[in-house]
Amino acid sequence: MGYDTGTNYTYHFFSQLNPYGLRFNFLSQGLAFPKIDHNFTACELGFGNGLSIIMNQAATQAQWYGNDFNPSQVNYANLLAQHGAIKVHLSDDAFDEFLGRDDLPMFDYICLHGIWSWISPQNQDVIVEFVKNKLKVGGILYVSYNTTGYFDNLRPFRTILNSYIQTLGDPNKNSEEQLPDALAFIDKLLATKPAYIKKAPWAQESYKNLICQKDQRYVAHEYTNDYWFLENFDKVAHKFEQAKLSYVCQAKLVNNLNSYYLEPKQFEALKPFIGTPMYEQLRDFISRNNFRSDVYVKGAVKLSTKQQDKELDATYFICDKNLKHENFTAMIHGFDKKVDLKEIEPILGIFKDNKCHSYQELRTTLCSEQDKGTTTLTEEELFCKMVYAVSHGMLQVAVPPEQITKELVDRCLKLNYHLLGGNQNEDIRALVSPVLGGGVFVSDLDKVLLSIALKRKDLSIELVTDIILEIRTSSNPDSSITSQESYDLAQKYAQEFMQFSLPLYRTLMVI
């Protein structure tokens, strides 16, 4: 197939695959989305180590199917599912074999992350055919891929990397094991000061940032496959148009905000192309976007204002940020931009109780006429501010409380206790939440503290401070930070964990 199956992929949960988040994206566009309940069927193609599909299955009533060509990864995902008593349908077929199966249902949702740019054109065609035949009318497709632009700088390095492994590599070693020698060769080559680098010094900087500083498993899967396509939006969109799909938006809501990407003059220049494929391509060019996560639908249905309001009212949200902090940032394409909290006041005031709230509750509270005959927000203002808040990561879309059954909670807890018990790869930095309908990022330090919280009922700020100090001392004994500075930093983190993080994890039903 031309894809590296000798090395397992990194242990990541990809939150943008969560259908609950995508549903809000559709509502923000005024479009209908399939009902997410026990009849909702989903399929992930090329699921890697399976964290996303396992967590999405654990936290929802939906029926998930998955396929990955690497049997080692399929086995890992199956074993992980067993620890949570999670029923999921996984296979290790080739894409064409998977297409030919007659035991698969029609799907409401098909997703593939980190697959499209790294497989042959023939396999891309197989996926298009699969989507055409197995996606329901009204169904949703998620697909991610590399674009031209910033990644163009890496073409020469990727070619040299692959050529070195194929020419001088040890056939008894997988691509990850051969990377150190290949990267050392490139460094030796760069030391000769090639004319290419003299003319394009930014290329070497891209190489250092995007190859040298990345996880070796990621580099192996990203750059050592037979195929590595950088594609424009119009080419990909045209392929899926053949399956009767139409483009809706990017999966990460913030990626659709022109105000975030474009200066006023840039937006004016692009105005004539709005609604055309060229608009998306020009936007990628201006913003230096190197990776897209696009969402398509088979048969878009525009909601009436009344229908949109009804669907919005039934949508729940939760704040997973400590509102006592002031310096919130949202990261996009490697650049940090500060979140303007004034843009989402007074909404955040409602979420200070660390509980879920429905859009209907927000509408009733903030858009109703007040004692003095005024309203806090208009309906339009509330909608815009909610889009801003979700886009910038201040609020997360939550599962309606009536859909969170005891069965869902129990299997999420089983899986989390297994992950916190030290029985799994330490690189896993996610736990599963039935409140979010999928995974949630958890830092290495929080994982340690949560595992201790499961065993000890006497957890306190003082005890957590001591634990953090012990961890940091053992991991970094030569630190130049003074003992007082170290204590102050540890205590600050301990206070944050005990007063905010731990209660939030409990609210999310992670523990």
Protein backbone atom coordinates (compact mmCIF):
# COMPACT_ATOMS: atom_id res chain seq x y z
CA MET A 1 0.00 0.00 0.00
CA GLY A 2 3.04 2.25 0.32
CA TYR A 3 2.22 3.14 3.92
CA ASP A 4 4.57 2.48 6.83
CA THR A 5 3.10 -0.42 8.85
CA GLY A 6 6.36 -1.39 10.55
CA THR A 7 6.08 1.42 13.09
CA ASN A 8 3.07 2.08 15.31
CA TYR A 9 1.67 5.61 15.27
CA THR A 10 1.75 8.07 18.15
CA TYR A 11 -0.76 7.76 21.01
CA HIS A 12 -3.00 10.75 20.32
CA PHE A 13 -6.66 11.52 20.77
CA PHE A 14 -7.95 13.88 18.07
CA SER A 15 -10.77 15.96 19.53
CA GLN A 16 -11.83 17.32 16.13
CA LEU A 17 -13.20 13.86 15.25
CA ASN A 18 -15.84 14.16 17.99
CA PRO A 19 -19.26 14.34 16.28
CA TYR A 20 -20.72 16.54 19.03
CA GLY A 21 -18.24 19.29 18.21
CA LEU A 22 -18.91 18.89 14.49
CA ARG A 23 -22.64 19.22 15.15
CA PHE A 24 -22.10 22.72 16.57
CA ASN A 25 -20.01 23.57 13.48
CA PHE A 26 -23.01 22.67 11.34
CA LEU A 27 -25.39 24.66 13.50
CA SER A 28 -23.10 27.67 13.22
CA GLN A 29 -23.55 27.34 9.45
CA GLY A 30 -27.32 26.88 9.80
CA LEU A 31 -27.17 23.27 8.52
CA ALA A 32 -28.81 20.05 9.70
CA PHE A 33 -26.70 17.34 11.36
CA PRO A 34 -27.63 13.66 11.92
CA LYS A 35 -29.12 12.88 15.33
CA ILE A 36 -26.45 11.46 17.64
CA ASP A 37 -28.08 8.60 19.55
CA HIS A 38 -27.95 4.78 19.73
CA ASN A 39 -28.87 4.62 16.02
CA PHE A 40 -25.94 6.84 15.00
CA THR A 41 -23.35 4.81 13.04
CA ALA A 42 -19.77 5.98 12.56
CA CYS A 43 -16.65 4.66 10.89
CA GLU A 44 -13.00 5.70 11.28
CA LEU A 45 -10.63 4.67 8.49
CA GLY A 46 -6.96 4.34 9.46
CA PHE A 47 -7.49 4.77 13.20
CA GLY A 48 -3.81 4.29 14.23
CA ASN A 49 -3.52 3.16 17.84
CA GLY A 50 -7.25 3.64 18.22
CA LEU A 51 -7.46 6.17 21.06
CA SER A 52 -9.97 8.36 19.22
CA ILE A 53 -12.31 5.59 18.12
CA ILE A 54 -12.15 3.77 21.48
CA MET A 55 -12.85 6.92 23.47
CA ASN A 56 -15.58 8.09 21.10
CA GLN A 57 -17.23 4.68 21.42
CA ALA A 58 -16.82 4.54 25.20
CA ALA A 59 -18.43 7.94 25.74
CA THR A 60 -21.41 7.72 23.38
CA GLN A 61 -24.35 5.51 22.53
CA ALA A 62 -23.25 5.50 18.88
CA GLN A 63 -22.07 2.38 17.04
CA TRP A 64 -18.47 2.75 15.90
CA TYR A 65 -16.66 0.72 13.23
CA GLY A 66 -12.98 1.10 12.40
CA ASN A 67 -10.36 -0.19 10.00
CA ASP A 68 -6.57 0.03 10.06
CA PHE A 69 -4.19 -1.94 7.87
CA ASN A 70 -1.66 -2.39 10.70
CA PRO A 71 -2.70 -5.53 12.70
CA SER A 72 -0.52 -4.51 15.65
CA GLN A 73 -2.49 -1.28 16.04
CA VAL A 74 -5.80 -3.11 15.66
CA ASN A 75 -4.78 -5.57 18.38
CA TYR A 76 -3.73 -2.71 20.67
CA ALA A 77 -7.06 -0.94 20.17
CA ASN A 78 -9.01 -4.15 20.83
CA LEU A 79 -7.12 -4.79 24.07
CA LEU A 80 -7.74 -1.20 25.14
CA ALA A 81 -11.45 -1.61 24.44
CA GLN A 82 -11.62 -4.76 26.54
CA HIS A 83 -10.42 -2.90 29.63
CA GLY A 84 -13.42 -0.61 29.39
CA ALA A 85 -15.87 -3.33 28.34
CA ILE A 86 -16.27 -1.30 25.16
CA LYS A 87 -17.98 -2.97 22.19
CA VAL A 88 -16.41 -1.66 18.99
CA HIS A 89 -16.04 -3.23 15.55
CA LEU A 90 -12.39 -3.16 14.38
CA SER A 91 -10.65 -4.82 11.43
CA ASP A 92 -7.26 -4.83 9.68
CA ASP A 93 -8.45 -5.07 6.07
CA ALA A 94 -6.93 -3.28 3.14
CA PHE A 95 -9.18 -0.42 2.04
CA ASP A 96 -10.44 -2.31 -1.03
CA GLU A 97 -11.19 -5.38 1.13
CA PHE A 98 -13.07 -3.22 3.61
CA LEU A 99 -15.09 -1.70 0.77
CA GLY A 100 -16.09 -5.17 -0.41
CA ARG A 101 -17.53 -6.31 2.93
CA ASP A 102 -21.28 -6.94 3.02
CA ASP A 103 -21.63 -6.88 6.84
CA LEU A 104 -21.18 -3.13 7.27
CA PRO A 105 -24.10 -0.78 7.95
CA MET A 106 -24.71 2.50 6.19
CA PHE A 107 -22.93 5.24 8.11
CA ASP A 108 -24.02 8.62 9.44
CA TYR A 109 -20.39 9.65 9.82
CA ILE A 110 -17.12 8.58 8.20
CA CYS A 111 -13.81 10.08 9.29
CA LEU A 112 -10.17 9.68 8.28
CA HIS A 113 -7.40 11.63 9.97
CA GLY A 114 -3.80 11.56 8.77
CA ILE A 115 -4.50 9.12 5.95
CA TRP A 116 -5.38 10.90 2.72
CA SER A 117 -1.98 12.51 1.97
CA TRP A 118 -0.01 9.33 2.64
CA ILE A 119 -1.70 6.71 0.46
CA SER A 120 -1.66 6.00 -3.28
CA PRO A 121 -4.07 7.70 -5.69
CA GLN A 122 -5.64 4.25 -6.20
CA ASN A 123 -6.41 3.96 -2.49
CA GLN A 124 -7.75 7.51 -2.47
CA ASP A 125 -10.17 6.41 -5.19
CA VAL A 126 -11.17 3.38 -3.09
CA ILE A 127 -11.98 5.69 -0.16
CA VAL A 128 -14.08 7.94 -2.40
CA GLU A 129 -15.95 4.85 -3.62
CA PHE A 130 -16.43 3.67 -0.02
CA VAL A 131 -17.86 7.05 0.96
CA LYS A 132 -20.10 7.05 -2.11
CA ASN A 133 -21.50 3.59 -1.30
CA LYS A 134 -21.57 3.55 2.52
CA LEU A 135 -22.36 7.12 3.62
CA LYS A 136 -26.05 7.77 4.22
CA VAL A 137 -27.87 10.65 2.57
CA GLY A 138 -27.41 13.45 5.09
CA GLY A 139 -24.23 11.77 6.33
CA ILE A 140 -20.99 13.56 7.29
CA LEU A 141 -17.41 13.06 6.08
CA TYR A 142 -14.29 14.29 7.88
CA VAL A 143 -10.98 14.21 5.99
CA SER A 144 -7.62 15.81 6.81
CA TYR A 145 -4.64 16.34 4.52
CA ASN A 146 -1.46 18.30 3.91
CA THR A 147 -1.73 21.40 1.76
CA THR A 148 0.78 23.31 -0.29
CA GLY A 149 2.46 26.27 1.36
CA TYR A 150 4.62 25.88 4.43
CA PHE A 151 5.14 22.13 3.86
CA ASP A 152 6.64 22.88 0.44
CA ASN A 153 9.86 23.81 2.25
CA LEU A 154 10.19 20.21 3.39
CA ARG A 155 9.95 18.50 0.00
CA PRO A 156 13.76 18.29 -0.51
CA PHE A 157 14.38 16.99 3.02
CA ARG A 158 11.60 14.44 2.76
CA THR A 159 13.05 13.20 -0.57
CA ILE A 160 16.58 12.90 0.87
CA LEU A 161 15.23 11.14 3.98
CA ASN A 162 13.38 8.56 1.94
CA SER A 163 16.19 8.08 -0.59
CA TYR A 164 18.77 7.56 2.16
CA ILE A 165 16.67 4.89 3.88
CA GLN A 166 15.99 3.10 0.59
CA THR A 167 19.63 3.30 -0.54
CA LEU A 168 21.70 2.81 2.62
CA GLY A 169 19.07 1.73 5.12
CA ASP A 170 19.04 -1.57 6.94
CA PRO A 171 16.12 -3.67 5.64
CA ASN A 172 15.99 -5.45 9.01
CA LYS A 173 15.08 -2.19 10.75
CA ASN A 174 11.81 -0.27 10.56
CA SER A 175 11.70 3.36 9.43
CA GLU A 176 11.75 4.76 12.98
CA GLU A 177 14.92 2.79 13.81
CA GLN A 178 16.61 4.09 10.67
CA LEU A 179 15.74 7.75 11.26
CA PRO A 180 18.75 8.69 13.45
CA ASP A 181 21.23 7.71 10.72
CA ALA A 182 19.20 9.43 8.01
CA LEU A 183 18.85 12.64 10.04
CA ALA A 184 22.57 12.58 10.89
CA PHE A 185 23.32 12.38 7.17
CA ILE A 186 21.13 15.41 6.45
CA ASP A 187 22.91 17.35 9.21
CA LYS A 188 26.26 16.44 7.65
CA LEU A 189 24.92 17.56 4.27
CA LEU A 190 23.72 20.89 5.70
CA ALA A 191 27.16 21.47 7.22
CA THR A 192 28.56 21.69 3.66
CA LYS A 193 26.40 24.83 3.18
CA PRO A 194 24.42 23.76 0.07
CA ALA A 195 23.52 26.49 -2.40
CA TYR A 196 19.85 25.57 -1.94
CA ILE A 197 19.98 26.62 1.72
CA LYS A 198 21.85 29.81 0.88
CA LYS A 199 19.01 30.77 -1.48
CA ALA A 200 16.23 29.48 0.81
CA PRO A 201 17.44 29.70 4.45
CA TRP A 202 13.84 29.36 5.70
CA ALA A 203 13.82 25.77 4.42
CA GLN A 204 16.43 24.73 6.99
CA GLU A 205 14.41 26.41 9.73
CA SER A 206 11.33 24.45 8.64
CA TYR A 207 13.39 21.25 8.74
CA LYS A 208 14.54 21.95 12.31
CA ASN A 209 11.04 22.83 13.55
CA LEU A 210 8.94 20.23 11.76
CA ILE A 211 11.28 17.23 11.59
CA CYS A 212 14.14 17.48 14.08
CA GLN A 213 11.98 18.51 17.04
CA LYS A 214 9.11 16.08 16.48
CA ASP A 215 8.38 12.64 17.92
CA GLN A 216 10.32 10.05 15.89
CA ARG A 217 7.22 7.91 15.36
CA TYR A 218 5.43 10.92 13.94
CA VAL A 219 8.35 11.69 11.61
CA ALA A 220 8.46 8.08 10.41
CA HIS A 221 4.76 8.05 9.54
CA GLU A 222 4.72 11.58 8.14
CA TYR A 223 7.79 11.54 5.89
CA THR A 224 8.98 7.98 5.11
CA ASN A 225 5.95 6.58 3.28
CA ASP A 226 6.03 5.99 -0.46
CA TYR A 227 3.44 8.74 -0.86
CA TRP A 228 3.39 12.25 0.55
CA PHE A 229 0.97 14.53 -1.25
CA LEU A 230 0.55 18.27 -0.80
CA GLU A 231 -2.82 19.06 -2.31
CA ASN A 232 -4.91 22.12 -2.96
CA PHE A 233 -8.43 22.29 -1.62
CA ASP A 234 -10.06 22.21 -5.06
CA LYS A 235 -8.48 18.86 -6.00
CA VAL A 236 -9.70 17.14 -2.85
CA ALA A 237 -13.14 18.75 -3.03
CA HIS A 238 -13.52 17.65 -6.66
CA LYS A 239 -12.82 14.02 -5.68
CA PHE A 240 -15.57 13.99 -3.07
CA GLU A 241 -17.99 15.82 -5.32
CA GLN A 242 -17.92 12.58 -7.33
CA ALA A 243 -19.41 10.89 -4.25
CA LYS A 244 -22.18 13.54 -4.17
CA LEU A 245 -20.65 15.40 -1.24
CA SER A 246 -20.47 19.14 -0.76
CA TYR A 247 -17.99 21.05 1.40
CA VAL A 248 -19.30 22.61 4.62
CA CYS A 249 -16.43 23.97 6.71
CA GLN A 250 -13.20 23.07 8.54
CA ALA A 251 -13.51 20.80 11.56
CA LYS A 252 -11.80 23.20 13.95
CA LEU A 253 -14.33 25.99 14.29
CA VAL A 254 -11.70 28.70 14.73
CA ASN A 255 -10.30 27.84 11.29
CA ASN A 256 -13.49 29.19 9.72
CA LEU A 257 -13.29 32.64 11.28
CA ASN A 258 -12.10 35.17 8.72
CA SER A 259 -11.44 37.72 11.44
CA TYR A 260 -8.89 35.35 12.94
CA TYR A 261 -7.04 34.72 9.70
CA LEU A 262 -7.43 37.73 7.50
CA GLU A 263 -6.74 41.39 7.79
CA PRO A 264 -9.50 43.67 6.38
CA LYS A 265 -7.53 44.35 3.17
CA GLN A 266 -6.93 40.63 2.66
CA PHE A 267 -10.60 39.80 3.14
CA GLU A 268 -11.58 42.49 0.61
CA ALA A 269 -9.20 40.95 -1.93
CA LEU A 270 -10.79 37.53 -1.45
CA LYS A 271 -14.45 38.68 -1.48
CA PRO A 272 -15.03 37.99 -5.22
CA PHE A 273 -14.13 34.33 -4.66
CA ILE A 274 -16.41 33.58 -1.69
CA GLY A 275 -18.31 30.35 -2.30
CA THR A 276 -15.71 28.98 -4.73
CA PRO A 277 -12.86 26.49 -4.18
CA MET A 278 -10.38 29.23 -4.98
CA TYR A 279 -11.50 31.15 -1.90
CA GLU A 280 -10.32 28.33 0.39
CA GLN A 281 -7.03 28.02 -1.51
CA LEU A 282 -6.32 31.75 -1.30
CA ARG A 283 -7.17 31.70 2.38
CA ASP A 284 -4.67 28.87 2.93
CA PHE A 285 -2.05 30.85 1.01
CA ILE A 286 -2.56 34.05 3.01
CA SER A 287 -2.64 32.29 6.40
CA ARG A 288 0.20 29.89 5.54
CA ASN A 289 -2.06 26.96 6.37
CA ASN A 290 -0.26 23.64 5.89
CA PHE A 291 -2.92 21.22 7.09
CA ARG A 292 -6.67 21.09 6.54
CA SER A 293 -9.38 19.17 8.40
CA ASP A 294 -12.43 19.46 6.15
CA VAL A 295 -16.02 18.43 6.71
CA TYR A 296 -18.42 17.43 3.92
CA VAL A 297 -22.09 16.43 3.83
CA LYS A 298 -24.08 14.27 1.43
CA GLY A 299 -27.09 16.49 0.82
CA ALA A 300 -26.88 19.75 2.75
CA VAL A 301 -30.17 20.90 4.32
CA LYS A 302 -30.53 24.53 5.40
CA LEU A 303 -32.34 24.93 8.69
CA SER A 304 -35.04 27.53 9.10
CA THR A 305 -34.47 30.11 11.83
CA LYS A 306 -36.97 28.28 14.05
CA GLN A 307 -35.28 24.91 13.45
CA GLN A 308 -31.82 26.35 14.10
CA ASP A 309 -33.00 27.92 17.35
CA LYS A 310 -34.51 24.61 18.47
CA GLU A 311 -31.31 22.69 17.72
CA LEU A 312 -29.16 25.34 19.40
CA ASP A 313 -31.36 25.34 22.51
CA ALA A 314 -30.78 21.58 22.88
CA THR A 315 -26.97 22.04 22.73
CA TYR A 316 -24.98 21.96 25.98
CA PHE A 317 -21.63 23.54 26.84
CA ILE A 318 -19.08 23.46 29.63
CA CYS A 319 -16.10 25.68 30.46
CA ASP A 320 -12.86 23.74 31.02
CA LYS A 321 -10.69 26.80 31.72
CA ASN A 322 -9.91 28.39 35.05
CA LEU A 323 -11.72 31.71 34.83
CA LYS A 324 -9.47 33.20 37.51
CA HIS A 325 -6.73 33.37 34.92
CA GLU A 326 -6.56 36.25 32.50
CA ASN A 327 -4.01 35.28 29.86
CA PHE A 328 -5.86 32.79 27.72
CA THR A 329 -4.49 32.02 24.30
CA ALA A 330 -5.77 30.07 21.32
CA MET A 331 -3.19 28.38 19.11
CA ILE A 332 -3.64 28.03 15.41
CA HIS A 333 -0.99 27.04 12.86
CA GLY A 334 1.72 27.47 15.44
CA PHE A 335 0.84 31.03 16.39
CA ASP A 336 -0.59 32.05 19.78
CA LYS A 337 -3.29 34.69 19.84
CA LYS A 338 -4.70 36.05 23.05
CA VAL A 339 -8.36 35.44 23.76
CA ASP A 340 -10.26 38.63 24.47
CA LEU A 341 -12.40 37.76 27.49
CA LYS A 342 -14.44 40.95 26.99
CA GLU A 343 -15.77 39.37 23.80
CA ILE A 344 -17.50 36.63 25.73
CA GLU A 345 -18.78 38.49 28.74
CA PRO A 346 -21.23 38.02 30.44
CA ILE A 347 -21.42 34.41 29.15
CA LEU A 348 -18.45 33.23 31.17
CA GLY A 349 -20.10 34.43 34.37
CA ILE A 350 -22.73 31.71 33.96
CA PHE A 351 -20.06 29.01 33.68
CA LYS A 352 -18.18 29.93 36.86
CA ASP A 353 -20.07 27.14 38.63
CA ASN A 354 -18.12 24.58 36.52
CA LYS A 355 -21.37 22.97 35.35
CA CYS A 356 -22.93 22.29 31.96
CA HIS A 357 -25.44 24.81 30.65
CA SER A 358 -27.72 24.64 27.64
CA TYR A 359 -27.96 27.27 24.95
CA GLN A 360 -31.62 27.65 25.91
CA GLU A 361 -30.58 28.54 29.46
CA LEU A 362 -28.10 31.10 28.14
CA ARG A 363 -30.72 32.56 25.83
CA THR A 364 -33.29 32.80 28.65
CA THR A 365 -30.82 34.34 31.08
CA LEU A 366 -29.00 36.76 28.79
CA CYS A 367 -31.52 37.69 26.11
CA SER A 368 -34.64 38.17 28.22
CA GLU A 369 -35.86 41.63 29.11
CA GLN A 370 -34.41 42.82 32.39
CA ASP A 371 -36.02 44.86 35.17
CA LYS A 372 -35.07 48.12 33.55
CA GLY A 373 -36.55 47.13 30.20
CA THR A 374 -33.18 46.22 28.62
CA THR A 375 -31.52 42.96 27.64
CA THR A 376 -27.98 41.91 28.38
CA LEU A 377 -27.46 40.57 24.85
CA THR A 378 -29.42 40.39 21.64
CA GLU A 379 -30.01 36.95 20.10
CA GLU A 380 -27.47 37.72 17.38
CA GLU A 381 -24.87 38.91 19.90
CA LEU A 382 -25.28 35.74 21.97
CA PHE A 383 -24.82 33.54 18.91
CA CYS A 384 -21.67 35.39 17.77
CA LYS A 385 -20.16 35.31 21.26
CA MET A 386 -20.86 31.58 21.63
CA VAL A 387 -19.16 30.87 18.30
CA TYR A 388 -16.20 32.96 19.47
CA ALA A 389 -16.04 31.15 22.84
CA VAL A 390 -16.16 27.64 21.32
CA SER A 391 -13.77 28.59 18.51
CA HIS A 392 -11.15 29.82 20.96
CA GLY A 393 -11.44 26.86 23.28
CA MET A 394 -13.04 28.69 26.20
CA LEU A 395 -16.17 26.54 26.01
CA GLN A 396 -16.53 22.92 24.96
CA VAL A 397 -19.62 21.33 23.46
CA ALA A 398 -21.08 18.84 25.96
CA VAL A 399 -23.38 15.84 25.70
CA PRO A 400 -27.00 16.48 26.72
CA PRO A 401 -27.38 15.18 30.32
CA GLU A 402 -30.26 12.86 29.40
CA GLN A 403 -27.91 10.95 27.06
CA ILE A 404 -25.32 10.23 29.76
CA THR A 405 -26.36 6.79 31.02
CA LYS A 406 -24.90 4.81 33.91
CA GLU A 407 -23.48 2.35 31.36
CA LEU A 408 -21.55 5.13 29.60
CA VAL A 409 -20.19 6.47 32.89
CA ASP A 410 -19.15 3.01 34.10
CA ARG A 411 -17.22 2.06 30.98
CA CYS A 412 -15.51 5.46 30.81
CA LEU A 413 -14.40 5.07 34.43
CA LYS A 414 -13.16 1.52 33.78
CA LEU A 415 -11.03 2.69 30.88
CA ASN A 416 -9.69 5.71 32.77
CA TYR A 417 -8.76 3.67 35.83
CA HIS A 418 -6.88 1.30 33.55
CA LEU A 419 -5.02 4.19 31.90
CA LEU A 420 -4.24 5.78 35.27
CA GLY A 421 -3.08 2.50 36.72
CA GLY A 422 0.17 2.60 34.79
CA ASN A 423 -0.83 -0.35 32.62
CA GLN A 424 -0.66 1.53 29.34
CA ASN A 425 1.84 3.48 27.29
CA GLU A 426 2.97 6.53 29.23
CA ASP A 427 2.69 8.58 26.03
CA ILE A 428 -1.11 8.51 26.30
CA ARG A 429 -2.12 11.99 27.40
CA ALA A 430 -5.89 11.65 27.27
CA LEU A 431 -8.72 10.27 29.36
CA VAL A 432 -12.32 9.76 28.32
CA SER A 433 -15.29 11.85 29.44
CA PRO A 434 -18.97 10.93 28.94
CA VAL A 435 -19.76 14.63 29.44
CA LEU A 436 -17.70 15.55 26.34
CA GLY A 437 -18.61 12.43 24.37
CA GLY A 438 -14.94 11.59 23.84
CA GLY A 439 -11.43 12.24 25.09
CA VAL A 440 -9.95 15.11 27.04
CA PHE A 441 -6.26 16.08 27.18
CA VAL A 442 -4.53 15.37 30.49
CA SER A 443 -0.94 16.41 31.21
CA ASP A 444 1.62 13.92 32.46
CA LEU A 445 1.67 15.58 35.88
CA ASP A 446 -2.12 15.60 36.16
CA LYS A 447 -2.14 11.89 35.27
CA VAL A 448 0.18 11.19 38.21
CA LEU A 449 -1.91 13.33 40.56
CA LEU A 450 -5.18 11.73 39.40
CA SER A 451 -3.78 8.26 39.93
CA ILE A 452 -2.88 9.27 43.50
CA ALA A 453 -6.32 10.86 44.00
CA LEU A 454 -7.89 7.47 43.23
CA LYS A 455 -5.95 5.86 46.09
CA ARG A 456 -5.91 8.59 48.73
CA LYS A 457 -8.80 10.45 50.25
CA ASP A 458 -6.58 12.84 52.22
CA LEU A 459 -5.27 14.73 49.20
CA SER A 460 -4.47 18.34 50.09
CA ILE A 461 -2.63 21.31 48.62
CA GLU A 462 0.29 20.58 50.94
CA LEU A 463 0.48 16.91 49.97
CA VAL A 464 0.19 17.67 46.24
CA THR A 465 2.93 20.30 46.60
CA ASP A 466 5.26 17.71 48.15
CA ILE A 467 4.46 15.19 45.41
CA ILE A 468 5.20 17.73 42.67
CA LEU A 469 8.49 18.73 44.31
CA GLU A 470 9.53 15.08 44.55
CA ILE A 471 8.69 14.47 40.88
CA ARG A 472 10.52 17.56 39.64
CA THR A 473 13.58 16.91 41.80
CA SER A 474 13.92 13.34 40.58
CA SER A 475 13.39 14.29 36.92
CA ASN A 476 15.60 17.38 36.95
CA PRO A 477 18.17 17.17 39.79
CA ASP A 478 20.48 19.77 38.20
CA SER A 479 17.86 22.50 37.97
CA SER A 480 19.12 26.05 38.58
CA ILE A 481 15.83 27.06 40.22
CA THR A 482 16.22 27.79 43.94
CA SER A 483 14.42 25.64 46.49
CA GLN A 484 12.10 28.53 47.39
CA GLU A 485 11.28 29.19 43.74
CA SER A 486 10.67 25.49 43.20
CA TYR A 487 8.38 25.35 46.23
CA ASP A 488 6.41 28.41 45.11
CA LEU A 489 5.90 26.97 41.61
CA ALA A 490 4.85 23.59 43.01
CA GLN A 491 2.44 25.17 45.46
CA LYS A 492 0.89 27.32 42.73
CA TYR A 493 0.32 24.22 40.57
CA ALA A 494 -1.05 22.31 43.57
CA GLN A 495 -3.55 25.07 44.32
CA GLU A 496 -4.65 25.10 40.67
CA PHE A 497 -5.06 21.33 40.68
CA MET A 498 -6.98 21.06 43.97
CA GLN A 499 -9.21 24.11 43.53
CA PHE A 500 -9.94 23.86 39.81
CA SER A 501 -8.53 20.87 37.90
CA LEU A 502 -9.63 18.06 40.23
CA PRO A 503 -13.22 19.38 40.59
CA LEU A 504 -13.37 19.80 36.80
CA TYR A 505 -12.20 16.22 36.20
CA ARG A 506 -14.97 15.07 38.52
CA THR A 507 -17.51 17.21 36.69
CA LEU A 508 -16.36 15.69 33.41
CA MET A 509 -16.79 12.25 35.07
CA VAL A 510 -13.19 11.35 34.24
CA ILE A 511 -12.79 9.94 37.77
